[in-house]
N, C-alpha and C. Protein backbone atom coordinates (compact mmCIF):
# COMPACT_ATOMS: atom_id res chain seq x y z
N MET A 1 100.66 -37.46 99.27
CA MET A 1 102.05 -37.14 99.10
C MET A 1 102.95 -38.14 100.04
N ASP A 2 104.13 -38.81 99.45
CA ASP A 2 104.78 -39.51 100.07
C ASP A 2 106.18 -39.33 100.22
N ILE A 3 106.74 -39.81 101.37
CA ILE A 3 108.24 -39.64 101.58
C ILE A 3 108.82 -40.89 102.22
N THR A 4 109.84 -41.07 102.04
CA THR A 4 110.76 -42.01 102.84
C THR A 4 111.68 -41.23 103.91
N TYR A 5 111.93 -41.60 104.92
CA TYR A 5 112.86 -41.10 105.88
C TYR A 5 113.47 -42.25 106.90
N LYS A 6 114.83 -41.66 107.33
CA LYS A 6 115.22 -42.74 108.29
C LYS A 6 115.10 -42.00 109.64
N LEU A 7 115.13 -42.99 110.47
CA LEU A 7 115.07 -42.37 111.95
C LEU A 7 116.06 -41.28 112.59
N ASP A 8 117.17 -41.31 111.99
CA ASP A 8 118.16 -40.27 112.10
C ASP A 8 117.76 -38.95 111.37
N THR A 9 116.99 -39.04 110.35
CA THR A 9 116.46 -37.73 109.84
C THR A 9 114.80 -37.62 109.93
N ILE A 10 114.52 -37.79 111.17
CA ILE A 10 113.00 -37.76 111.42
C ILE A 10 112.76 -36.36 111.56
N ASP A 11 113.51 -35.32 111.73
CA ASP A 11 113.45 -33.81 111.59
C ASP A 11 112.71 -33.47 110.23
N TYR A 12 113.11 -34.03 109.04
CA TYR A 12 112.87 -33.98 108.01
C TYR A 12 111.35 -34.38 107.64
N ALA A 13 110.97 -35.60 108.17
CA ALA A 13 109.64 -36.04 108.16
C ALA A 13 108.56 -35.16 109.05
N SER A 14 108.89 -34.76 109.94
CA SER A 14 108.35 -33.81 110.88
C SER A 14 108.06 -32.37 110.01
N LYS A 15 108.94 -31.71 109.56
CA LYS A 15 108.83 -30.29 108.71
C LYS A 15 107.99 -30.70 107.59
N PHE A 16 108.03 -31.76 106.84
CA PHE A 16 107.30 -32.09 105.81
C PHE A 16 105.79 -32.19 106.04
N ILE A 17 105.54 -32.79 107.40
CA ILE A 17 104.00 -32.79 107.99
C ILE A 17 103.50 -31.34 108.14
N ILE A 18 104.42 -30.56 108.91
CA ILE A 18 103.95 -29.31 109.32
C ILE A 18 103.63 -28.22 108.20
N ASN A 19 104.65 -28.51 107.19
CA ASN A 19 104.56 -27.63 105.91
C ASN A 19 103.49 -28.11 105.00
N ASN A 20 103.04 -29.32 104.94
CA ASN A 20 101.92 -29.93 104.00
C ASN A 20 100.61 -30.17 104.46
N CYS A 21 100.48 -30.11 105.89
CA CYS A 21 99.29 -30.29 106.61
C CYS A 21 98.34 -29.19 106.42
N LYS A 22 97.11 -29.36 106.10
CA LYS A 22 95.99 -28.24 105.83
C LYS A 22 95.18 -28.07 107.16
N SER A 23 95.33 -29.08 108.17
CA SER A 23 94.63 -28.95 109.33
C SER A 23 95.53 -29.30 110.55
N LYS A 24 95.20 -28.74 111.54
CA LYS A 24 95.91 -28.99 113.11
C LYS A 24 95.56 -30.17 113.40
N LEU A 25 94.40 -31.11 112.86
CA LEU A 25 94.07 -32.27 113.43
C LEU A 25 94.56 -33.37 112.43
N ILE A 26 95.75 -33.92 112.96
CA ILE A 26 96.51 -34.82 112.33
C ILE A 26 96.38 -36.61 113.03
N LEU A 27 95.89 -37.27 112.11
CA LEU A 27 95.57 -38.51 112.42
C LEU A 27 96.48 -39.37 111.95
N PHE A 28 97.08 -40.45 112.92
CA PHE A 28 98.34 -41.21 112.47
C PHE A 28 97.83 -42.61 112.61
N GLU A 29 98.29 -43.42 111.44
CA GLU A 29 97.96 -44.83 111.44
C GLU A 29 99.37 -45.45 110.91
N GLY A 30 99.30 -46.65 111.77
CA GLY A 30 100.71 -47.37 111.36
C GLY A 30 100.58 -48.48 112.40
N GLY A 31 101.34 -49.62 112.06
CA GLY A 31 101.39 -50.75 113.14
C GLY A 31 102.20 -50.45 114.32
N LEU A 32 101.83 -51.51 115.18
CA LEU A 32 102.70 -51.38 116.58
C LEU A 32 104.29 -51.21 116.20
N GLY A 33 104.87 -50.11 116.73
CA GLY A 33 106.50 -49.99 116.62
C GLY A 33 106.81 -49.29 115.38
N SER A 34 105.77 -48.78 114.58
CA SER A 34 106.08 -48.10 113.20
C SER A 34 106.58 -46.71 113.40
N GLY A 35 106.52 -46.24 114.71
CA GLY A 35 107.12 -44.88 114.86
C GLY A 35 106.15 -43.69 115.06
N LYS A 36 104.96 -43.89 115.25
CA LYS A 36 103.95 -42.99 115.46
C LYS A 36 104.47 -41.88 116.59
N THR A 37 104.50 -42.38 117.84
CA THR A 37 104.90 -41.58 118.83
C THR A 37 106.29 -40.96 118.68
N THR A 38 107.34 -41.64 118.17
CA THR A 38 108.40 -41.06 117.81
C THR A 38 108.39 -39.86 116.76
N LEU A 39 107.55 -39.99 115.78
CA LEU A 39 107.39 -38.70 114.90
C LEU A 39 106.73 -37.71 115.67
N ILE A 40 105.72 -38.07 116.45
CA ILE A 40 104.99 -37.05 117.05
C ILE A 40 105.78 -36.27 118.06
N LYS A 41 106.61 -36.99 118.75
CA LYS A 41 107.51 -36.24 119.69
C LYS A 41 108.35 -35.22 118.91
N GLN A 42 108.94 -35.35 117.65
CA GLN A 42 109.64 -34.51 116.88
C GLN A 42 108.95 -33.34 116.26
N ILE A 43 107.58 -33.70 115.97
CA ILE A 43 106.62 -32.66 115.48
C ILE A 43 106.47 -31.58 116.75
N CYS A 44 106.29 -32.16 118.10
CA CYS A 44 105.93 -31.34 119.14
C CYS A 44 107.25 -30.54 119.33
N ARG A 45 108.50 -31.09 119.23
CA ARG A 45 109.80 -30.22 119.37
C ARG A 45 109.91 -29.15 118.48
N ASP A 46 109.38 -29.49 117.19
CA ASP A 46 109.42 -28.43 115.97
C ASP A 46 108.37 -27.36 116.18
N LEU A 47 107.26 -27.61 116.95
CA LEU A 47 106.47 -26.54 117.27
C LEU A 47 106.86 -25.91 118.55
N GLY A 48 107.83 -26.29 118.97
CA GLY A 48 108.30 -25.35 120.37
C GLY A 48 108.19 -25.94 121.76
N SER A 49 107.64 -27.33 121.45
CA SER A 49 107.16 -27.83 123.06
C SER A 49 108.52 -28.29 123.55
N ASN A 50 108.74 -28.05 124.84
CA ASN A 50 109.89 -28.58 125.75
C ASN A 50 109.48 -29.73 126.60
N ASN A 51 108.14 -29.98 126.49
CA ASN A 51 107.54 -31.11 127.23
C ASN A 51 108.10 -32.49 126.96
N ASN A 52 108.08 -33.44 127.96
CA ASN A 52 108.52 -34.80 127.69
C ASN A 52 107.38 -35.44 127.06
N VAL A 53 107.35 -35.64 125.65
CA VAL A 53 106.50 -36.21 124.97
C VAL A 53 106.47 -37.78 125.10
N SER A 54 105.44 -38.22 125.33
CA SER A 54 105.35 -39.89 125.58
C SER A 54 104.06 -40.61 124.97
N SER A 55 103.93 -41.91 124.86
CA SER A 55 102.81 -42.21 124.53
C SER A 55 101.70 -42.22 125.63
N PRO A 56 100.51 -41.86 125.12
CA PRO A 56 99.51 -41.89 125.85
C PRO A 56 98.76 -43.22 125.92
N SER A 57 99.20 -44.17 125.77
CA SER A 57 98.43 -45.59 125.54
C SER A 57 97.69 -45.76 126.91
N TYR A 58 98.30 -45.49 128.10
CA TYR A 58 97.39 -45.65 129.29
C TYR A 58 96.62 -44.57 129.88
N PRO A 59 97.19 -43.33 129.64
CA PRO A 59 96.19 -42.19 130.16
C PRO A 59 95.27 -41.67 128.97
N ILE A 60 95.36 -42.31 127.79
CA ILE A 60 94.78 -42.17 126.45
C ILE A 60 95.07 -40.45 125.72
N LEU A 61 95.27 -39.75 126.82
CA LEU A 61 95.23 -38.35 126.26
C LEU A 61 96.27 -37.73 126.89
N ASN A 62 97.37 -37.09 126.43
CA ASN A 62 98.40 -36.02 127.07
C ASN A 62 98.34 -34.84 126.37
N ILE A 63 98.66 -33.80 127.19
CA ILE A 63 98.45 -32.50 126.98
C ILE A 63 99.83 -31.57 126.88
N TYR A 64 100.32 -31.18 126.04
CA TYR A 64 101.72 -30.40 126.05
C TYR A 64 101.73 -29.06 125.60
N ASP A 65 102.50 -28.28 126.39
CA ASP A 65 102.43 -26.73 126.22
C ASP A 65 103.47 -26.28 125.07
N CYS A 66 103.16 -25.56 124.16
CA CYS A 66 103.98 -24.98 123.21
C CYS A 66 103.69 -23.60 123.07
N LYS A 67 104.42 -22.91 122.24
CA LYS A 67 104.13 -21.60 122.04
C LYS A 67 102.66 -21.13 121.15
N TYR A 68 102.11 -22.20 120.52
CA TYR A 68 101.17 -22.04 119.60
C TYR A 68 99.89 -22.30 120.76
N GLY A 69 99.99 -22.64 122.03
CA GLY A 69 98.90 -23.17 122.82
C GLY A 69 99.01 -24.65 123.26
N ASP A 70 98.32 -25.15 123.90
CA ASP A 70 98.28 -26.66 124.13
C ASP A 70 98.22 -27.51 122.83
N ILE A 71 98.95 -28.56 122.86
CA ILE A 71 98.99 -29.55 121.89
C ILE A 71 98.48 -30.84 122.61
N PHE A 72 97.25 -31.68 122.03
CA PHE A 72 96.53 -32.73 122.50
C PHE A 72 97.08 -33.84 121.68
N HIS A 73 97.55 -34.96 122.58
CA HIS A 73 97.92 -36.21 121.84
C HIS A 73 97.16 -37.35 122.55
N ALA A 74 96.43 -37.95 121.65
CA ALA A 74 95.45 -38.95 121.80
C ALA A 74 96.07 -40.39 121.37
N ASP A 75 96.14 -41.63 122.32
CA ASP A 75 96.23 -42.94 121.58
C ASP A 75 94.98 -43.62 121.83
N LEU A 76 94.15 -44.14 120.77
CA LEU A 76 93.07 -44.83 120.82
C LEU A 76 93.09 -46.35 120.74
N TYR A 77 94.30 -46.70 120.95
CA TYR A 77 94.64 -48.22 120.75
C TYR A 77 93.66 -48.93 121.85
N ARG A 78 93.84 -48.49 123.10
CA ARG A 78 93.12 -49.27 124.19
C ARG A 78 91.46 -48.86 124.32
N VAL A 79 91.28 -47.92 123.66
CA VAL A 79 89.68 -47.43 123.85
C VAL A 79 88.80 -48.53 123.26
N LYS A 80 87.77 -48.87 124.04
CA LYS A 80 86.85 -49.76 123.43
C LYS A 80 85.68 -49.24 122.92
N ASN A 81 85.21 -48.17 123.30
CA ASN A 81 83.99 -47.49 122.78
C ASN A 81 84.01 -46.08 122.73
N ILE A 82 82.85 -45.47 122.08
CA ILE A 82 83.18 -43.97 122.00
C ILE A 82 82.78 -43.36 123.48
N SER A 83 82.14 -43.90 124.38
CA SER A 83 81.60 -43.13 125.45
C SER A 83 82.92 -42.97 126.43
N ASP A 84 83.98 -43.82 126.30
CA ASP A 84 85.28 -43.53 126.81
C ASP A 84 85.82 -42.51 126.16
N LEU A 85 85.54 -42.02 125.08
CA LEU A 85 86.21 -40.87 124.58
C LEU A 85 85.42 -39.66 124.97
N ASN A 86 84.15 -39.82 125.22
CA ASN A 86 83.18 -38.75 125.67
C ASN A 86 83.39 -38.43 127.02
N GLU A 87 83.78 -39.47 127.96
CA GLU A 87 84.39 -38.98 129.21
C GLU A 87 85.60 -38.04 129.26
N LEU A 88 86.36 -38.21 128.33
CA LEU A 88 87.51 -37.38 128.39
C LEU A 88 87.23 -36.19 127.65
N GLY A 89 86.00 -35.79 126.85
CA GLY A 89 85.79 -34.47 126.41
C GLY A 89 86.36 -34.50 125.01
N PHE A 90 86.99 -35.69 124.57
CA PHE A 90 87.61 -35.74 123.42
C PHE A 90 86.84 -35.27 122.21
N LEU A 91 85.60 -35.43 121.97
CA LEU A 91 84.88 -34.86 120.83
C LEU A 91 84.93 -33.17 120.80
N GLU A 92 85.01 -32.72 122.11
CA GLU A 92 85.05 -31.22 122.00
C GLU A 92 86.53 -30.67 121.68
N ILE A 93 87.46 -31.59 122.11
CA ILE A 93 88.93 -31.21 121.86
C ILE A 93 89.13 -31.12 120.28
N LEU A 94 88.37 -32.15 119.34
CA LEU A 94 88.46 -32.10 118.14
C LEU A 94 87.91 -30.79 117.63
N ASP A 95 87.19 -30.06 118.15
CA ASP A 95 86.66 -28.64 117.56
C ASP A 95 87.61 -27.51 117.97
N LEU A 96 88.58 -27.67 118.90
CA LEU A 96 89.42 -26.66 119.22
C LEU A 96 90.50 -26.25 118.06
N PRO A 97 90.86 -24.99 118.18
CA PRO A 97 91.84 -24.61 116.97
C PRO A 97 93.30 -25.19 117.31
N ASN A 98 93.38 -25.83 118.38
CA ASN A 98 94.72 -26.31 118.75
C ASN A 98 95.43 -27.54 117.94
N TRP A 99 96.62 -27.89 117.99
CA TRP A 99 96.84 -29.12 117.17
C TRP A 99 96.61 -30.08 117.88
N VAL A 100 96.10 -31.17 117.14
CA VAL A 100 95.59 -32.44 117.95
C VAL A 100 96.09 -33.67 117.14
N PHE A 101 97.06 -34.45 117.84
CA PHE A 101 97.51 -35.64 117.11
C PHE A 101 96.76 -37.01 117.72
N VAL A 102 96.49 -37.69 116.91
CA VAL A 102 95.40 -38.75 117.26
C VAL A 102 96.23 -40.26 116.67
N GLU A 103 96.68 -41.00 117.60
CA GLU A 103 97.41 -42.43 117.20
C GLU A 103 96.21 -43.29 117.19
N TRP A 104 96.27 -44.32 116.16
CA TRP A 104 95.01 -45.32 115.96
C TRP A 104 93.77 -44.85 115.79
N SER A 105 93.82 -43.74 115.06
CA SER A 105 92.35 -43.08 114.72
C SER A 105 91.62 -43.90 113.91
N ASN A 106 92.11 -45.00 113.25
CA ASN A 106 91.27 -45.90 112.38
C ASN A 106 90.43 -46.72 113.17
N LYS A 107 90.50 -46.68 114.60
CA LYS A 107 89.59 -47.51 115.28
C LYS A 107 88.12 -46.88 115.39
N PHE A 108 88.13 -45.49 115.06
CA PHE A 108 86.86 -44.43 115.31
C PHE A 108 87.11 -43.62 113.99
N LYS A 109 86.85 -44.07 113.11
CA LYS A 109 86.85 -43.33 111.62
C LYS A 109 85.74 -42.35 111.69
N ASN A 110 84.68 -43.00 112.13
CA ASN A 110 83.36 -41.98 111.88
C ASN A 110 83.23 -40.77 112.79
N ILE A 111 84.31 -40.72 113.77
CA ILE A 111 84.11 -39.40 114.35
C ILE A 111 84.80 -38.18 113.96
N PHE A 112 85.63 -38.58 112.86
CA PHE A 112 86.58 -37.56 112.29
C PHE A 112 86.15 -37.15 110.97
N ASP A 113 84.79 -36.60 111.15
CA ASP A 113 84.05 -36.20 109.92
C ASP A 113 84.39 -34.54 109.97
N LYS A 114 85.44 -34.36 109.94
CA LYS A 114 85.88 -32.73 110.09
C LYS A 114 87.16 -32.63 109.23
N ASN A 115 87.60 -31.53 108.76
CA ASN A 115 88.98 -31.37 107.92
C ASN A 115 89.83 -31.88 108.98
N HIS A 116 90.85 -32.69 108.29
CA HIS A 116 92.00 -33.35 108.90
C HIS A 116 92.99 -33.74 108.00
N THR A 117 94.31 -34.19 108.59
CA THR A 117 95.27 -34.65 107.66
C THR A 117 95.54 -36.25 108.34
N LEU A 118 95.72 -36.85 107.35
CA LEU A 118 95.87 -38.43 107.57
C LEU A 118 97.29 -38.80 107.41
N ILE A 119 98.15 -39.32 108.38
CA ILE A 119 99.44 -39.85 108.19
C ILE A 119 99.63 -41.16 108.14
N LYS A 120 99.95 -41.98 107.21
CA LYS A 120 100.26 -43.39 107.32
C LYS A 120 101.61 -43.77 107.11
N ILE A 121 102.15 -44.38 108.14
CA ILE A 121 103.63 -44.65 108.20
C ILE A 121 103.84 -46.39 108.20
N LYS A 122 104.72 -46.66 107.29
CA LYS A 122 104.92 -48.17 106.97
C LYS A 122 106.33 -48.31 107.23
N SER A 123 106.82 -49.29 107.90
CA SER A 123 108.17 -49.60 108.16
C SER A 123 108.63 -50.44 106.81
N VAL A 124 109.69 -49.58 106.28
CA VAL A 124 110.51 -50.34 105.25
C VAL A 124 111.50 -51.28 105.63
N SER A 125 112.23 -50.68 106.82
CA SER A 125 113.39 -51.55 107.36
C SER A 125 113.33 -51.19 108.73
N LYS A 126 114.30 -51.68 109.56
CA LYS A 126 114.49 -51.25 111.03
C LYS A 126 114.51 -49.83 111.18
N ASN A 127 115.14 -49.01 110.40
CA ASN A 127 115.51 -47.72 110.54
C ASN A 127 114.86 -46.77 109.54
N LYS A 128 114.04 -47.30 108.70
CA LYS A 128 113.48 -46.30 107.51
C LYS A 128 112.00 -46.82 107.54
N ARG A 129 111.41 -45.63 107.10
CA ARG A 129 110.05 -45.57 107.16
C ARG A 129 109.26 -44.74 105.73
N LYS A 130 108.21 -45.29 105.47
CA LYS A 130 107.50 -44.67 104.50
C LYS A 130 106.35 -43.83 104.82
N LEU A 131 106.28 -42.59 104.55
CA LEU A 131 105.08 -41.77 105.13
C LEU A 131 104.19 -41.46 104.06
N SER A 132 102.87 -41.61 104.21
CA SER A 132 101.95 -41.01 103.32
C SER A 132 101.03 -39.99 103.79
N LEU A 133 100.78 -38.78 103.32
CA LEU A 133 100.19 -37.62 104.07
C LEU A 133 98.86 -37.36 102.90
N SER A 134 97.87 -37.35 103.35
CA SER A 134 96.69 -37.03 102.76
C SER A 134 95.93 -35.92 103.52
N ASN A 135 95.39 -34.84 102.75
CA ASN A 135 94.46 -33.95 103.45
C ASN A 135 93.07 -34.01 103.09
N TYR A 136 92.17 -34.09 104.11
CA TYR A 136 90.75 -34.24 103.77
C TYR A 136 90.07 -32.96 104.03
N ASP A 137 89.09 -32.53 103.17
CA ASP A 137 88.14 -31.52 103.76
C ASP A 137 86.72 -31.93 103.68
N PHE A 138 85.92 -31.39 104.70
CA PHE A 138 84.66 -31.89 104.86
C PHE A 138 83.82 -30.67 104.75
């Protein structure tokens, strides 16, 4: 499923994802500056989180509170190998029933062999994005 949205209507994209994902494990792919973190901020807001959602590029993993339990937000851009993820307990987090958002998941595709939703974001222009949503069942 594909949609196009503008940054000032990002709430539309967020609700589209929440309403059409079949899994709480959501993987995000897109180039640098494509808006992955910006979209995840809006999804967290729509799920009821009041936390300051930011890119976990340096800590690799952020955890936010919401009315549905903790939301886990990982950024794998700087991760070099699977042992770095193991140290964080990341593989165990993937088995939790919580919302889990993963940026740069394409670096470690082989660890996502469970039900998940894949979001691909492409910049159409400075303020416009194309979003592709695919659900995968294992």
